[in-house]
Amino acid sequence: MDRYAAVEKLMADHGFSERRACRLIGVNRSAWQYEPLRGKDEAVRERMREIANERRRFGYRRLAILLRREGKGMNLKKVYRLYREEWLTVRKRGGRKRAPGTQAPMAIPQEPNQRWSLDFVSDSLACGRRFRMLNVIDDDSRECLACIADTSLSGRRVMRELTAIAERRGLPCMVVSDNGTELTSHAVLAWCQDTGVEWHYIAPGKPQQNGFAESFNGRLRDV
């Protein structure tokens, strides 16, 4: 018989008060009165499953950030425990991990500035040094909104360039991209949270889902 059961037996069989029974057995009263909160997190678990289904590459740390922004803040260790219990661990796919993105189909843009597409194209200088170009395309007008070339284009740099475009044209409703590491970074998550722009990741191995940017990159390579 454990100590808590002994306290309960003294109170039930001998009429001892809670204070006296705890003192005789040597149990702290606060520990005896404690009610575990496990099992009362169903709403948080459901929301974690929803976010993980939409953002399949996001680990428990990113889920914790999103939950905190929705007013469901909790200890990171607890988020990790719920994350593991719900089997939300990101699975390896044989290569590097990719984010399939949301499963909802994209609507066809009906006007300019409704949807932008992003993609990178790379080349090398005469000295052999590699560089990359970020192309931003308006899916309705097929206009190239920006063509940024540099030897390094981080997620923060990409967000700064998108912000500069938005200051001239206004924010889009949606941005479409592949699952590159620059485009699945914390900088992208923060930018979407601040601006309210929806970010849609194409499915792995489906470059045609980002066809507008791919088409422009193909014509650019032929120049």
N, C-alpha and C. Protein backbone atom coordinates (compact mmCIF):
# COMPACT_ATOMS: atom_id res chain seq x y z
N MET A 1 0.85 -1.19 0.00
CA MET A 1 0.00 0.00 0.00
C MET A 1 0.89 1.24 0.00
N ASP A 2 0.64 2.17 -0.94
CA ASP A 2 1.45 3.38 -0.97
C ASP A 2 0.98 4.36 0.09
N ARG A 3 1.71 5.44 0.26
CA ARG A 3 1.43 6.40 1.33
C ARG A 3 0.09 7.10 1.13
N TYR A 4 -0.23 7.40 -0.12
CA TYR A 4 -1.49 8.09 -0.39
C TYR A 4 -2.69 7.19 -0.08
N ALA A 5 -2.55 5.91 -0.40
CA ALA A 5 -3.63 4.98 -0.06
C ALA A 5 -3.77 4.83 1.45
N ALA A 6 -2.62 4.89 2.17
CA ALA A 6 -2.67 4.79 3.63
C ALA A 6 -3.39 5.98 4.24
N VAL A 7 -3.14 7.19 3.68
CA VAL A 7 -3.84 8.38 4.16
C VAL A 7 -5.34 8.23 3.94
N GLU A 8 -5.71 7.76 2.78
CA GLU A 8 -7.12 7.60 2.47
C GLU A 8 -7.77 6.57 3.38
N LYS A 9 -7.03 5.49 3.73
CA LYS A 9 -7.58 4.45 4.60
C LYS A 9 -7.79 4.97 6.02
N LEU A 10 -6.82 5.75 6.52
CA LEU A 10 -6.97 6.32 7.86
C LEU A 10 -8.19 7.24 7.93
N MET A 11 -8.40 8.02 6.88
CA MET A 11 -9.53 8.94 6.89
C MET A 11 -10.84 8.19 6.77
N ALA A 12 -10.87 7.11 5.97
CA ALA A 12 -12.12 6.39 5.74
C ALA A 12 -12.47 5.44 6.87
N ASP A 13 -11.45 4.70 7.39
CA ASP A 13 -11.74 3.66 8.38
C ASP A 13 -11.72 4.16 9.82
N HIS A 14 -10.89 5.19 10.08
CA HIS A 14 -10.73 5.62 11.47
C HIS A 14 -11.21 7.04 11.72
N GLY A 15 -11.70 7.69 10.68
CA GLY A 15 -12.26 9.01 10.87
C GLY A 15 -11.23 10.09 11.14
N PHE A 16 -9.98 9.87 10.76
CA PHE A 16 -8.95 10.87 10.97
C PHE A 16 -9.18 12.05 10.02
N SER A 17 -8.81 13.21 10.50
CA SER A 17 -8.86 14.37 9.61
C SER A 17 -7.73 14.28 8.59
N GLU A 18 -7.88 15.03 7.53
CA GLU A 18 -6.84 15.02 6.50
C GLU A 18 -5.50 15.48 7.06
N ARG A 19 -5.51 16.53 7.88
CA ARG A 19 -4.27 17.04 8.44
C ARG A 19 -3.57 15.99 9.30
N ARG A 20 -4.35 15.31 10.19
CA ARG A 20 -3.77 14.33 11.09
C ARG A 20 -3.26 13.11 10.34
N ALA A 21 -4.05 12.64 9.36
CA ALA A 21 -3.65 11.46 8.59
C ALA A 21 -2.37 11.73 7.81
N CYS A 22 -2.27 12.89 7.21
CA CYS A 22 -1.06 13.23 6.44
C CYS A 22 0.15 13.34 7.36
N ARG A 23 -0.06 13.90 8.57
CA ARG A 23 1.07 14.05 9.50
C ARG A 23 1.56 12.69 9.97
N LEU A 24 0.62 11.75 10.26
CA LEU A 24 1.02 10.42 10.73
C LEU A 24 1.76 9.63 9.65
N ILE A 25 1.31 9.73 8.43
CA ILE A 25 1.93 8.96 7.35
C ILE A 25 3.19 9.66 6.81
N GLY A 26 3.27 10.98 7.03
CA GLY A 26 4.43 11.72 6.54
C GLY A 26 4.26 12.19 5.11
N VAL A 27 3.02 12.54 4.75
CA VAL A 27 2.71 13.01 3.40
C VAL A 27 2.42 14.50 3.45
N ASN A 28 2.98 15.26 2.53
CA ASN A 28 2.71 16.68 2.44
C ASN A 28 1.27 16.89 2.00
N ARG A 29 0.54 17.77 2.68
CA ARG A 29 -0.87 17.97 2.35
C ARG A 29 -1.07 18.52 0.93
N SER A 30 -0.16 19.41 0.50
CA SER A 30 -0.28 19.96 -0.86
C SER A 30 -0.11 18.87 -1.91
N ALA A 31 0.77 17.89 -1.62
CA ALA A 31 0.94 16.76 -2.55
C ALA A 31 -0.31 15.88 -2.56
N TRP A 32 -0.93 15.72 -1.37
CA TRP A 32 -2.15 14.90 -1.29
C TRP A 32 -3.31 15.57 -2.03
N GLN A 33 -3.39 16.89 -1.98
CA GLN A 33 -4.49 17.61 -2.59
C GLN A 33 -4.29 17.90 -4.08
N TYR A 34 -3.08 17.64 -4.54
CA TYR A 34 -2.77 17.97 -5.94
C TYR A 34 -3.59 17.11 -6.90
N GLU A 35 -4.17 17.73 -7.90
CA GLU A 35 -4.91 17.03 -8.95
C GLU A 35 -4.15 17.18 -10.26
N PRO A 36 -3.67 16.09 -10.83
CA PRO A 36 -2.91 16.19 -12.09
C PRO A 36 -3.78 16.76 -13.21
N LEU A 37 -3.14 17.56 -14.06
CA LEU A 37 -3.86 18.22 -15.15
C LEU A 37 -3.79 17.43 -16.45
N ARG A 38 -3.07 16.33 -16.46
CA ARG A 38 -2.99 15.54 -17.68
C ARG A 38 -4.37 15.03 -18.07
N GLY A 39 -4.63 14.98 -19.32
CA GLY A 39 -5.92 14.56 -19.82
C GLY A 39 -6.86 15.71 -20.07
N LYS A 40 -6.42 16.96 -19.72
CA LYS A 40 -7.26 18.13 -19.93
C LYS A 40 -6.70 19.01 -21.05
N ASP A 41 -5.90 18.42 -21.91
CA ASP A 41 -5.24 19.17 -22.98
C ASP A 41 -5.78 18.79 -24.36
N GLU A 42 -7.01 18.30 -24.42
CA GLU A 42 -7.52 17.82 -25.70
C GLU A 42 -7.62 18.93 -26.73
N ALA A 43 -8.00 20.15 -26.30
CA ALA A 43 -8.10 21.26 -27.25
C ALA A 43 -6.73 21.62 -27.81
N VAL A 44 -5.71 21.60 -26.95
CA VAL A 44 -4.34 21.90 -27.41
C VAL A 44 -3.85 20.80 -28.34
N ARG A 45 -4.14 19.54 -27.98
CA ARG A 45 -3.72 18.43 -28.82
C ARG A 45 -4.35 18.53 -30.22
N GLU A 46 -5.63 18.85 -30.24
CA GLU A 46 -6.32 18.95 -31.52
C GLU A 46 -5.72 20.07 -32.38
N ARG A 47 -5.44 21.21 -31.74
CA ARG A 47 -4.84 22.33 -32.49
C ARG A 47 -3.45 21.98 -32.97
N MET A 48 -2.68 21.24 -32.17
CA MET A 48 -1.34 20.81 -32.59
C MET A 48 -1.43 19.90 -33.81
N ARG A 49 -2.42 19.01 -33.81
CA ARG A 49 -2.59 18.12 -34.96
C ARG A 49 -2.96 18.90 -36.21
N GLU A 50 -3.81 19.92 -36.06
CA GLU A 50 -4.20 20.74 -37.20
C GLU A 50 -3.01 21.48 -37.79
N ILE A 51 -2.21 22.10 -36.92
CA ILE A 51 -1.04 22.85 -37.40
C ILE A 51 -0.03 21.91 -38.03
N ALA A 52 0.20 20.75 -37.39
CA ALA A 52 1.18 19.80 -37.93
C ALA A 52 0.74 19.26 -39.28
N ASN A 53 -0.57 19.13 -39.50
CA ASN A 53 -1.06 18.67 -40.80
C ASN A 53 -0.85 19.73 -41.88
N GLU A 54 -0.95 21.00 -41.51
CA GLU A 54 -0.75 22.07 -42.47
C GLU A 54 0.73 22.36 -42.71
N ARG A 55 1.51 22.29 -41.64
CA ARG A 55 2.94 22.61 -41.70
C ARG A 55 3.73 21.37 -41.29
N ARG A 56 3.88 20.45 -42.20
CA ARG A 56 4.37 19.12 -41.84
C ARG A 56 5.86 19.09 -41.51
N ARG A 57 6.57 20.13 -41.84
CA ARG A 57 7.98 20.12 -41.49
C ARG A 57 8.23 20.80 -40.14
N PHE A 58 7.24 21.45 -39.58
CA PHE A 58 7.43 22.17 -38.33
C PHE A 58 7.58 21.20 -37.17
N GLY A 59 8.63 21.39 -36.38
CA GLY A 59 8.83 20.60 -35.18
C GLY A 59 8.11 21.19 -33.99
N TYR A 60 8.39 20.63 -32.81
CA TYR A 60 7.63 21.06 -31.63
C TYR A 60 7.97 22.49 -31.22
N ARG A 61 9.17 22.97 -31.51
CA ARG A 61 9.53 24.34 -31.14
C ARG A 61 8.70 25.35 -31.95
N ARG A 62 8.54 25.11 -33.24
CA ARG A 62 7.72 26.01 -34.04
C ARG A 62 6.25 25.91 -33.69
N LEU A 63 5.80 24.69 -33.37
CA LEU A 63 4.41 24.55 -32.92
C LEU A 63 4.19 25.32 -31.63
N ALA A 64 5.19 25.31 -30.74
CA ALA A 64 5.06 26.06 -29.49
C ALA A 64 4.92 27.55 -29.75
N ILE A 65 5.65 28.07 -30.75
CA ILE A 65 5.55 29.49 -31.10
C ILE A 65 4.14 29.82 -31.58
N LEU A 66 3.61 28.99 -32.47
CA LEU A 66 2.27 29.23 -33.01
C LEU A 66 1.21 29.12 -31.92
N LEU A 67 1.35 28.14 -31.04
CA LEU A 67 0.38 27.99 -29.95
C LEU A 67 0.44 29.19 -29.00
N ARG A 68 1.66 29.69 -28.75
CA ARG A 68 1.80 30.84 -27.87
C ARG A 68 1.12 32.07 -28.47
N ARG A 69 1.23 32.22 -29.79
CA ARG A 69 0.59 33.37 -30.45
C ARG A 69 -0.93 33.26 -30.43
N GLU A 70 -1.45 32.05 -30.26
CA GLU A 70 -2.89 31.86 -30.18
C GLU A 70 -3.40 31.86 -28.74
N GLY A 71 -2.51 32.20 -27.81
CA GLY A 71 -2.92 32.24 -26.41
C GLY A 71 -2.89 30.91 -25.70
N LYS A 72 -2.22 29.91 -26.28
CA LYS A 72 -2.14 28.58 -25.67
C LYS A 72 -0.70 28.32 -25.23
N GLY A 73 -0.07 29.30 -24.62
CA GLY A 73 1.31 29.15 -24.20
C GLY A 73 1.47 28.13 -23.09
N MET A 74 2.55 27.37 -23.14
CA MET A 74 2.84 26.38 -22.11
C MET A 74 4.34 26.08 -22.13
N ASN A 75 4.79 25.37 -21.13
CA ASN A 75 6.19 25.01 -21.02
C ASN A 75 6.62 24.20 -22.25
N LEU A 76 7.84 24.49 -22.74
CA LEU A 76 8.32 23.81 -23.94
C LEU A 76 8.43 22.30 -23.74
N LYS A 77 8.74 21.88 -22.52
CA LYS A 77 8.83 20.45 -22.24
C LYS A 77 7.46 19.78 -22.38
N LYS A 78 6.42 20.49 -21.98
CA LYS A 78 5.07 19.94 -22.11
C LYS A 78 4.67 19.86 -23.58
N VAL A 79 5.02 20.90 -24.36
CA VAL A 79 4.73 20.85 -25.79
C VAL A 79 5.43 19.65 -26.42
N TYR A 80 6.67 19.40 -26.02
CA TYR A 80 7.42 18.26 -26.56
C TYR A 80 6.76 16.94 -26.18
N ARG A 81 6.28 16.85 -24.91
CA ARG A 81 5.61 15.61 -24.48
C ARG A 81 4.35 15.36 -25.30
N LEU A 82 3.51 16.39 -25.45
CA LEU A 82 2.30 16.22 -26.25
C LEU A 82 2.64 15.92 -27.71
N TYR A 83 3.69 16.55 -28.20
CA TYR A 83 4.14 16.34 -29.58
C TYR A 83 4.51 14.87 -29.81
N ARG A 84 5.22 14.28 -28.86
CA ARG A 84 5.61 12.88 -28.99
C ARG A 84 4.42 11.95 -28.79
N GLU A 85 3.55 12.28 -27.83
CA GLU A 85 2.39 11.41 -27.57
C GLU A 85 1.44 11.37 -28.75
N GLU A 86 1.37 12.47 -29.53
CA GLU A 86 0.49 12.51 -30.69
C GLU A 86 1.18 12.00 -31.95
N TRP A 87 2.42 11.52 -31.82
CA TRP A 87 3.16 10.96 -32.95
C TRP A 87 3.30 12.00 -34.09
N LEU A 88 3.66 13.21 -33.72
CA LEU A 88 3.79 14.28 -34.70
C LEU A 88 5.23 14.49 -35.14
N THR A 89 6.13 13.61 -34.72
CA THR A 89 7.53 13.76 -35.08
C THR A 89 7.69 13.76 -36.59
N VAL A 90 8.49 14.69 -37.10
CA VAL A 90 8.71 14.78 -38.53
C VAL A 90 9.43 13.52 -39.01
N ARG A 91 8.88 12.87 -40.01
CA ARG A 91 9.46 11.64 -40.53
C ARG A 91 10.44 11.94 -41.65
N LYS A 92 11.54 11.18 -41.66
CA LYS A 92 12.51 11.32 -42.73
C LYS A 92 11.98 10.64 -43.99
N ARG A 93 12.28 11.23 -45.14
CA ARG A 93 11.75 10.72 -46.41
C ARG A 93 12.85 10.16 -47.30
N GLY A 94 13.98 9.79 -46.71
CA GLY A 94 15.07 9.26 -47.52
C GLY A 94 16.10 10.32 -47.86
N GLY A 95 15.66 11.55 -48.07
CA GLY A 95 16.57 12.66 -48.32
C GLY A 95 16.37 13.70 -47.25
N ARG A 96 16.62 14.95 -47.59
CA ARG A 96 16.39 16.00 -46.62
C ARG A 96 14.89 16.18 -46.41
N LYS A 97 14.52 16.70 -45.26
CA LYS A 97 13.11 16.86 -44.93
C LYS A 97 12.51 18.01 -45.72
N ARG A 98 11.29 17.80 -46.20
CA ARG A 98 10.60 18.80 -46.99
C ARG A 98 9.24 19.08 -46.38
N ALA A 99 8.73 20.27 -46.65
CA ALA A 99 7.42 20.65 -46.13
C ALA A 99 6.39 20.61 -47.25
N PRO A 100 5.49 19.61 -47.27
CA PRO A 100 4.47 19.57 -48.33
C PRO A 100 3.54 20.77 -48.33
N GLY A 101 3.40 21.45 -47.19
CA GLY A 101 2.54 22.63 -47.15
C GLY A 101 1.09 22.25 -46.95
N THR A 102 0.21 23.19 -47.15
CA THR A 102 -1.21 22.94 -46.97
C THR A 102 -1.74 22.04 -48.07
N GLN A 103 -2.82 21.34 -47.78
CA GLN A 103 -3.41 20.43 -48.74
C GLN A 103 -4.56 21.06 -49.52
N ALA A 104 -4.98 22.26 -49.13
CA ALA A 104 -6.09 22.91 -49.83
C ALA A 104 -5.64 23.36 -51.22
N PRO A 105 -6.48 23.15 -52.25
CA PRO A 105 -6.10 23.57 -53.60
C PRO A 105 -6.03 25.08 -53.71
N MET A 106 -5.14 25.57 -54.56
CA MET A 106 -4.99 27.00 -54.75
C MET A 106 -6.01 27.51 -55.76
N ALA A 107 -6.57 28.66 -55.46
CA ALA A 107 -7.50 29.28 -56.39
C ALA A 107 -6.72 29.97 -57.51
N ILE A 108 -7.32 30.02 -58.71
CA ILE A 108 -6.67 30.68 -59.84
C ILE A 108 -6.73 32.19 -59.62
N PRO A 109 -5.59 32.90 -59.72
CA PRO A 109 -5.62 34.35 -59.48
C PRO A 109 -6.47 35.06 -60.52
N GLN A 110 -7.26 36.02 -60.07
CA GLN A 110 -8.17 36.75 -60.94
C GLN A 110 -7.74 38.19 -61.19
N GLU A 111 -6.72 38.65 -60.47
CA GLU A 111 -6.28 40.02 -60.63
C GLU A 111 -4.82 40.12 -60.19
N PRO A 112 -4.13 41.16 -60.66
CA PRO A 112 -2.73 41.33 -60.26
C PRO A 112 -2.58 41.47 -58.75
N ASN A 113 -1.44 41.04 -58.26
CA ASN A 113 -1.08 41.16 -56.85
C ASN A 113 -1.89 40.24 -55.95
N GLN A 114 -2.59 39.28 -56.55
CA GLN A 114 -3.36 38.34 -55.74
C GLN A 114 -2.48 37.18 -55.28
N ARG A 115 -1.58 36.74 -56.15
CA ARG A 115 -0.70 35.64 -55.78
C ARG A 115 0.66 35.83 -56.42
N TRP A 116 1.71 35.66 -55.61
CA TRP A 116 3.08 35.72 -56.10
C TRP A 116 3.70 34.33 -56.05
N SER A 117 4.63 34.09 -56.97
CA SER A 117 5.39 32.84 -56.96
C SER A 117 6.87 33.17 -56.82
N LEU A 118 7.57 32.34 -56.02
CA LEU A 118 9.00 32.54 -55.80
C LEU A 118 9.77 31.31 -56.26
N ASP A 119 10.96 31.53 -56.77
CA ASP A 119 11.84 30.41 -57.08
C ASP A 119 13.25 30.94 -57.27
N PHE A 120 14.22 30.06 -57.04
CA PHE A 120 15.62 30.41 -57.21
C PHE A 120 16.16 29.79 -58.49
N VAL A 121 17.13 30.46 -59.08
CA VAL A 121 17.91 29.90 -60.18
C VAL A 121 19.37 30.22 -59.88
N SER A 122 20.27 29.31 -60.18
CA SER A 122 21.67 29.49 -59.82
C SER A 122 22.56 29.39 -61.04
N ASP A 123 23.74 29.98 -60.94
CA ASP A 123 24.74 29.95 -62.01
C ASP A 123 26.08 30.25 -61.37
N SER A 124 27.11 30.36 -62.16
CA SER A 124 28.45 30.64 -61.63
C SER A 124 29.11 31.73 -62.46
N LEU A 125 29.99 32.49 -61.81
CA LEU A 125 30.76 33.52 -62.47
C LEU A 125 31.93 32.91 -63.23
N ALA A 126 32.63 33.75 -64.00
CA ALA A 126 33.77 33.26 -64.76
C ALA A 126 34.86 32.71 -63.86
N CYS A 127 34.94 33.24 -62.64
CA CYS A 127 35.95 32.76 -61.69
C CYS A 127 35.54 31.46 -61.02
N GLY A 128 34.33 31.02 -61.27
CA GLY A 128 33.84 29.78 -60.69
C GLY A 128 33.00 29.95 -59.45
N ARG A 129 32.88 31.16 -58.95
CA ARG A 129 32.08 31.38 -57.75
C ARG A 129 30.60 31.30 -58.07
N ARG A 130 29.86 30.59 -57.24
CA ARG A 130 28.45 30.39 -57.47
C ARG A 130 27.65 31.59 -56.99
N PHE A 131 26.53 31.86 -57.66
CA PHE A 131 25.59 32.87 -57.19
C PHE A 131 24.18 32.39 -57.50
N ARG A 132 23.22 33.02 -56.83
CA ARG A 132 21.82 32.63 -56.99
C ARG A 132 20.99 33.86 -57.32
N MET A 133 19.85 33.62 -57.95
CA MET A 133 18.91 34.69 -58.27
C MET A 133 17.53 34.30 -57.76
N LEU A 134 16.92 35.21 -57.03
CA LEU A 134 15.55 35.02 -56.56
C LEU A 134 14.61 35.76 -57.48
N ASN A 135 13.68 35.04 -58.09
CA ASN A 135 12.71 35.64 -59.00
C ASN A 135 11.32 35.62 -58.35
N VAL A 136 10.68 36.77 -58.35
CA VAL A 136 9.34 36.92 -57.78
C VAL A 136 8.39 37.25 -58.93
N ILE A 137 7.37 36.41 -59.13
CA ILE A 137 6.48 36.53 -60.28
C ILE A 137 5.05 36.78 -59.80
N ASP A 138 4.36 37.69 -60.47
CA ASP A 138 2.93 37.87 -60.26
C ASP A 138 2.20 36.86 -61.14
N ASP A 139 1.46 35.94 -60.55
CA ASP A 139 0.86 34.84 -61.30
C ASP A 139 -0.24 35.29 -62.25
N ASP A 140 -0.85 36.43 -62.02
CA ASP A 140 -1.92 36.89 -62.91
C ASP A 140 -1.34 37.64 -64.11
N SER A 141 -0.51 38.62 -63.87
CA SER A 141 0.04 39.43 -64.96
C SER A 141 1.30 38.82 -65.57
N ARG A 142 1.88 37.78 -64.95
CA ARG A 142 3.14 37.15 -65.37
C ARG A 142 4.30 38.13 -65.33
N GLU A 143 4.16 39.18 -64.55
CA GLU A 143 5.21 40.19 -64.45
C GLU A 143 6.27 39.73 -63.45
N CYS A 144 7.53 39.97 -63.77
CA CYS A 144 8.60 39.69 -62.83
C CYS A 144 8.72 40.90 -61.90
N LEU A 145 8.35 40.73 -60.65
CA LEU A 145 8.34 41.83 -59.70
C LEU A 145 9.73 42.14 -59.16
N ALA A 146 10.60 41.15 -59.14
CA ALA A 146 11.97 41.36 -58.66
C ALA A 146 12.84 40.22 -59.14
N CYS A 147 14.08 40.55 -59.38
CA CYS A 147 15.09 39.56 -59.77
C CYS A 147 16.35 39.91 -58.98
N ILE A 148 16.54 39.26 -57.84
CA ILE A 148 17.62 39.61 -56.92
C ILE A 148 18.73 38.59 -57.07
N ALA A 149 19.92 39.07 -57.35
CA ALA A 149 21.09 38.20 -57.51
C ALA A 149 22.09 38.48 -56.40
N ASP A 150 22.63 37.41 -55.82
CA ASP A 150 23.65 37.56 -54.77
C ASP A 150 24.28 36.20 -54.54
N THR A 151 25.42 36.22 -53.88
CA THR A 151 26.09 34.96 -53.57
C THR A 151 25.45 34.27 -52.37
N SER A 152 24.66 35.01 -51.60
CA SER A 152 23.98 34.44 -50.44
C SER A 152 22.62 35.09 -50.30
N LEU A 153 21.57 34.27 -50.23
CA LEU A 153 20.20 34.77 -50.07
C LEU A 153 19.54 33.99 -48.94
N SER A 154 19.62 34.53 -47.76
CA SER A 154 19.05 33.86 -46.59
C SER A 154 17.55 34.11 -46.51
N GLY A 155 16.90 33.44 -45.56
CA GLY A 155 15.48 33.65 -45.36
C GLY A 155 15.16 35.09 -44.97
N ARG A 156 15.99 35.68 -44.13
CA ARG A 156 15.76 37.08 -43.73
C ARG A 156 15.92 38.01 -44.92
N ARG A 157 16.91 37.73 -45.78
CA ARG A 157 17.10 38.58 -46.96
C ARG A 157 15.88 38.48 -47.88
N VAL A 158 15.36 37.28 -48.07
CA VAL A 158 14.19 37.09 -48.91
C VAL A 158 13.01 37.88 -48.36
N MET A 159 12.82 37.85 -47.05
CA MET A 159 11.70 38.58 -46.45
C MET A 159 11.88 40.09 -46.60
N ARG A 160 13.11 40.57 -46.52
CA ARG A 160 13.35 42.00 -46.72
C ARG A 160 13.00 42.41 -48.15
N GLU A 161 13.33 41.56 -49.11
CA GLU A 161 13.02 41.87 -50.50
C GLU A 161 11.51 41.84 -50.74
N LEU A 162 10.82 40.89 -50.15
CA LEU A 162 9.36 40.83 -50.30
C LEU A 162 8.70 42.05 -49.65
N THR A 163 9.24 42.47 -48.52
CA THR A 163 8.70 43.67 -47.87
C THR A 163 8.89 44.90 -48.75
N ALA A 164 10.06 44.99 -49.41
CA ALA A 164 10.32 46.12 -50.30
C ALA A 164 9.35 46.12 -51.48
N ILE A 165 9.05 44.94 -52.02
CA ILE A 165 8.09 44.86 -53.13
C ILE A 165 6.70 45.27 -52.65
N ALA A 166 6.33 44.77 -51.44
CA ALA A 166 5.00 45.08 -50.90
C ALA A 166 4.84 46.57 -50.63
N GLU A 167 5.91 47.26 -50.29
CA GLU A 167 5.81 48.70 -50.07
C GLU A 167 5.48 49.44 -51.37
N ARG A 168 5.86 48.86 -52.50
CA ARG A 168 5.56 49.50 -53.79
C ARG A 168 4.21 49.08 -54.33
N ARG A 169 3.84 47.81 -54.15
CA ARG A 169 2.64 47.26 -54.80
C ARG A 169 1.54 46.88 -53.83
N GLY A 170 1.85 46.75 -52.57
CA GLY A 170 0.89 46.23 -51.61
C GLY A 170 1.13 44.73 -51.39
N LEU A 171 0.58 44.20 -50.33
CA LEU A 171 0.78 42.80 -49.98
C LEU A 171 -0.07 41.88 -50.85
N PRO A 172 0.44 40.70 -51.21
CA PRO A 172 -0.38 39.72 -51.93
C PRO A 172 -1.27 38.95 -50.95
N CYS A 173 -2.22 38.21 -51.50
CA CYS A 173 -3.04 37.34 -50.67
C CYS A 173 -2.33 36.03 -50.36
N MET A 174 -1.49 35.58 -51.30
CA MET A 174 -0.81 34.30 -51.15
C MET A 174 0.55 34.36 -51.82
N VAL A 175 1.49 33.59 -51.26
CA VAL A 175 2.81 33.40 -51.86
C VAL A 175 3.02 31.91 -52.03
N VAL A 176 3.50 31.50 -53.20
CA VAL A 176 3.74 30.09 -53.50
C VAL A 176 5.24 29.87 -53.67
N SER A 177 5.75 28.80 -53.08
CA SER A 177 7.18 28.50 -53.21
C SER A 177 7.41 27.01 -53.02
N ASP A 178 8.65 26.59 -53.27
CA ASP A 178 9.03 25.21 -52.98
C ASP A 178 9.44 25.11 -51.51
N ASN A 179 10.12 24.01 -51.16
CA ASN A 179 10.43 23.75 -49.76
C ASN A 179 11.89 24.02 -49.43
N GLY A 180 12.52 24.97 -50.11
CA GLY A 180 13.90 25.31 -49.82
C GLY A 180 14.08 25.76 -48.39
N THR A 181 15.27 25.56 -47.85
CA THR A 181 15.52 25.90 -46.45
C THR A 181 15.33 27.38 -46.18
N GLU A 182 15.62 28.24 -47.15
CA GLU A 182 15.42 29.68 -46.95
C GLU A 182 13.94 30.03 -46.82
N LEU A 183 13.09 29.21 -47.45
CA LEU A 183 11.66 29.52 -47.51
C LEU A 183 10.85 28.76 -46.46
N THR A 184 11.51 27.97 -45.62
CA THR A 184 10.83 27.29 -44.51
C THR A 184 11.45 27.71 -43.18
N SER A 185 12.05 28.87 -43.15
CA SER A 185 12.76 29.35 -41.96
C SER A 185 11.83 30.09 -41.02
N HIS A 186 12.37 30.43 -39.84
CA HIS A 186 11.60 31.21 -38.87
C HIS A 186 11.28 32.59 -39.42
N ALA A 187 12.15 33.13 -40.28
CA ALA A 187 11.91 34.45 -40.85
C ALA A 187 10.62 34.46 -41.68
N VAL A 188 10.38 33.40 -42.43
CA VAL A 188 9.15 33.30 -43.22
C VAL A 188 7.94 33.21 -42.31
N LEU A 189 8.05 32.38 -41.27
CA LEU A 189 6.94 32.23 -40.33
C LEU A 189 6.60 33.56 -39.68
N ALA A 190 7.62 34.31 -39.25
CA ALA A 190 7.38 35.60 -38.61
C ALA A 190 6.77 36.60 -39.59
N TRP A 191 7.24 36.59 -40.83
CA TRP A 191 6.73 37.53 -41.84
C TRP A 191 5.25 37.26 -42.13
N CYS A 192 4.89 36.01 -42.27
CA CYS A 192 3.49 35.65 -42.52
C CYS A 192 2.62 36.04 -41.33
N GLN A 193 3.15 35.85 -40.12
CA GLN A 193 2.38 36.21 -38.93
C GLN A 193 2.16 37.71 -38.86
N ASP A 194 3.17 38.49 -39.21
CA ASP A 194 3.07 39.95 -39.12
C ASP A 194 2.20 40.55 -40.22
N THR A 195 2.24 39.95 -41.42
CA THR A 195 1.54 40.52 -42.57
C THR A 195 0.19 39.90 -42.83
N GLY A 196 -0.04 38.67 -42.35
CA GLY A 196 -1.29 37.98 -42.63
C GLY A 196 -1.33 37.33 -44.00
N VAL A 197 -0.19 37.25 -44.69
CA VAL A 197 -0.13 36.63 -46.02
C VAL A 197 -0.08 35.11 -45.87
N GLU A 198 -0.86 34.40 -46.67
CA GLU A 198 -0.85 32.94 -46.64
C GLU A 198 0.31 32.43 -47.48
N TRP A 199 1.05 31.46 -46.95
CA TRP A 199 2.20 30.89 -47.66
C TRP A 199 1.88 29.46 -48.02
N HIS A 200 1.95 29.13 -49.30
CA HIS A 200 1.59 27.80 -49.78
C HIS A 200 2.85 27.11 -50.31
N TYR A 201 3.19 25.94 -49.71
CA TYR A 201 4.32 25.15 -50.18
C TYR A 201 3.82 24.09 -51.16
N ILE A 202 4.52 23.95 -52.27
CA ILE A 202 4.15 22.94 -53.25
C ILE A 202 4.52 21.57 -52.72
N ALA A 203 3.92 20.52 -53.27
CA ALA A 203 4.23 19.16 -52.86
C ALA A 203 5.61 18.77 -53.38
N PRO A 204 6.36 17.97 -52.61
CA PRO A 204 7.68 17.53 -53.08
C PRO A 204 7.59 16.77 -54.40
N GLY A 205 8.48 17.08 -55.33
CA GLY A 205 8.49 16.43 -56.62
C GLY A 205 7.43 16.91 -57.57
N LYS A 206 6.76 18.03 -57.26
CA LYS A 206 5.71 18.58 -58.12
C LYS A 206 6.04 20.01 -58.52
N PRO A 207 7.12 20.24 -59.27
CA PRO A 207 7.48 21.62 -59.64
C PRO A 207 6.43 22.31 -60.48
N GLN A 208 5.55 21.53 -61.16
CA GLN A 208 4.50 22.16 -61.97
C GLN A 208 3.51 22.95 -61.13
N GLN A 209 3.45 22.66 -59.82
CA GLN A 209 2.58 23.44 -58.95
C GLN A 209 3.10 24.87 -58.77
N ASN A 210 4.37 25.08 -59.10
CA ASN A 210 4.95 26.42 -59.08
C ASN A 210 5.33 26.79 -60.52
N GLY A 211 4.41 26.52 -61.44
CA GLY A 211 4.70 26.62 -62.86
C GLY A 211 5.03 28.01 -63.36
N PHE A 212 4.44 29.05 -62.77
CA PHE A 212 4.70 30.41 -63.25
C PHE A 212 6.16 30.80 -63.03
N ALA A 213 6.67 30.52 -61.84
CA ALA A 213 8.07 30.83 -61.56
C ALA A 213 9.00 29.91 -62.34
N GLU A 214 8.64 28.63 -62.46
CA GLU A 214 9.47 27.69 -63.22
C GLU A 214 9.55 28.10 -64.68
N SER A 215 8.43 28.56 -65.26
CA SER A 215 8.42 28.98 -66.64
C SER A 215 9.33 30.19 -66.86
N PHE A 216 9.26 31.14 -65.92
CA PHE A 216 10.12 32.32 -66.05
C PHE A 216 11.59 31.94 -65.93
N ASN A 217 11.89 31.03 -64.99
CA ASN A 217 13.29 30.59 -64.83
C ASN A 217 13.80 29.90 -66.09
N GLY A 218 12.93 29.12 -66.74
CA GLY A 218 13.35 28.46 -67.98
C GLY A 218 13.68 29.46 -69.07
N ARG A 219 12.86 30.48 -69.22
CA ARG A 219 13.15 31.50 -70.22
C ARG A 219 14.41 32.30 -69.86
N LEU A 220 14.62 32.49 -68.54
CA LEU A 220 15.82 33.23 -68.10
C LEU A 220 17.08 32.45 -68.43
N ARG A 221 17.04 31.13 -68.26
CA ARG A 221 18.22 30.31 -68.56
C ARG A 221 18.55 30.33 -70.06
N ASP A 222 17.53 30.52 -70.89
CA ASP A 222 17.76 30.52 -72.35
C ASP A 222 18.34 31.83 -72.87
N VAL A 223 18.31 32.87 -72.02
CA VAL A 223 18.81 34.18 -72.48
C VAL A 223 20.32 34.12 -72.66
